[in-house]
Amino acid sequence: MTAGSPTGDREKTGIVRHIDELGRIVIPIEIRKRLGLAEKDPVDISVRGETILLAKAHTVCVFCGRDGDLAEHRGRSVCRVCITELASF
């Protein structure tokens, strides 16, 4: 959270959605466009306290684009090859 801001780096949208009978919600088009989310894209779902967090899933290495043997570092996916290369600096 940022000092003086009750929501930290979160941006209030004023948009309210209801959960349907199957537990689904619709992410508004404005938010999907802003995050570059398309139909069938993976979304990470996590919980922090009483807050549900949705984030665009990163399924490839942020440095080289490899899609296998990934580890998470500070919320980003990094492959083992890049981790090894970065550790040698």
Protein backbone atom coordinates (compact mmCIF):
# COMPACT_ATOMS: atom_id res chain seq x y z
CA MET A 1 0.00 0.00 0.00
CA THR A 2 1.11 3.50 -0.74
CA ALA A 3 1.18 5.97 2.14
CA GLY A 4 -2.02 7.96 2.24
CA SER A 5 -3.76 5.65 -0.22
CA PRO A 6 -6.21 3.13 1.27
CA THR A 7 -6.00 0.93 -1.84
CA GLY A 8 -2.24 1.02 -2.41
CA ASP A 9 -1.47 0.69 -6.11
CA ARG A 10 -4.97 -0.61 -6.90
CA GLU A 11 -7.10 1.55 -9.12
CA LYS A 12 -10.82 1.73 -8.29
CA THR A 13 -13.00 1.33 -11.35
CA GLY A 14 -16.44 1.88 -9.87
CA ILE A 15 -17.57 -1.25 -11.73
CA VAL A 16 -19.55 -3.83 -9.76
CA ARG A 17 -20.26 -7.32 -11.07
CA HIS A 18 -22.38 -10.05 -9.52
CA ILE A 19 -21.36 -13.69 -9.20
CA ASP A 20 -23.65 -15.97 -11.22
CA GLU A 21 -25.08 -19.31 -10.07
CA LEU A 22 -21.93 -21.12 -11.27
CA GLY A 23 -19.58 -18.79 -9.35
CA ARG A 24 -18.49 -16.81 -12.43
CA ILE A 25 -17.97 -13.09 -12.91
CA VAL A 26 -17.36 -11.14 -16.10
CA ILE A 27 -14.22 -9.01 -16.32
CA PRO A 28 -15.26 -5.75 -18.00
CA ILE A 29 -13.98 -5.21 -21.55
CA GLU A 30 -12.19 -2.00 -20.53
CA ILE A 31 -10.05 -3.94 -18.05
CA ARG A 32 -9.44 -6.86 -20.46
CA LYS A 33 -8.28 -4.45 -23.17
CA ARG A 34 -6.04 -2.54 -20.79
CA LEU A 35 -4.33 -5.76 -19.66
CA GLY A 36 -4.27 -7.34 -23.10
CA LEU A 37 -6.46 -10.25 -22.01
CA ALA A 38 -8.16 -12.21 -24.77
CA GLU A 39 -10.67 -15.05 -24.74
CA LYS A 40 -9.14 -18.25 -23.27
CA ASP A 41 -6.08 -16.42 -21.85
CA PRO A 42 -4.92 -17.83 -18.49
CA VAL A 43 -5.53 -15.68 -15.41
CA ASP A 44 -3.85 -16.17 -12.03
CA ILE A 45 -6.25 -16.10 -9.07
CA SER A 46 -4.86 -15.49 -5.60
CA VAL A 47 -6.06 -14.25 -2.23
CA ARG A 48 -4.50 -11.61 0.02
CA GLY A 49 -6.41 -11.28 3.27
CA GLU A 50 -10.02 -10.57 2.30
CA THR A 51 -9.10 -9.53 -1.26
CA ILE A 52 -9.34 -11.70 -4.38
CA LEU A 53 -6.60 -10.79 -6.86
CA LEU A 54 -6.77 -11.51 -10.59
CA ALA A 55 -3.64 -11.11 -12.69
CA LYS A 56 -2.64 -11.84 -16.25
CA ALA A 57 -0.78 -15.15 -16.06
CA HIS A 58 2.81 -15.10 -17.28
CA THR A 59 3.54 -18.53 -18.67
CA VAL A 60 6.82 -17.74 -20.45
CA CYS A 61 10.14 -16.40 -19.25
CA VAL A 62 10.10 -12.59 -19.15
CA PHE A 63 13.67 -12.51 -20.48
CA CYS A 64 13.88 -15.11 -23.26
CA GLY A 65 10.33 -16.32 -23.86
CA ARG A 66 10.98 -19.99 -22.97
CA ASP A 67 7.88 -21.77 -21.73
CA GLY A 68 9.42 -24.58 -19.69
CA ASP A 69 11.11 -25.00 -16.31
CA LEU A 70 9.88 -21.67 -14.94
CA ALA A 71 10.27 -20.23 -11.47
CA GLU A 72 8.56 -17.15 -10.08
CA HIS A 73 10.63 -14.19 -8.91
CA ARG A 74 8.89 -11.05 -7.66
CA GLY A 75 5.71 -11.98 -9.50
CA ARG A 76 7.45 -12.70 -12.82
CA SER A 77 8.19 -16.02 -14.53
CA VAL A 78 11.89 -16.68 -15.18
CA CYS A 79 13.35 -19.86 -16.69
CA ARG A 80 16.18 -21.77 -15.00
CA VAL A 81 18.59 -20.94 -17.86
CA CYS A 82 18.09 -17.20 -17.35
CA ILE A 83 18.33 -17.58 -13.57
CA THR A 84 21.71 -19.29 -14.03
CA GLU A 85 22.89 -16.60 -16.46
CA LEU A 86 21.76 -13.77 -14.18
CA ALA A 87 23.43 -15.37 -11.16
CA SER A 88 26.77 -15.34 -12.97
CA PHE A 89 26.86 -11.53 -13.25
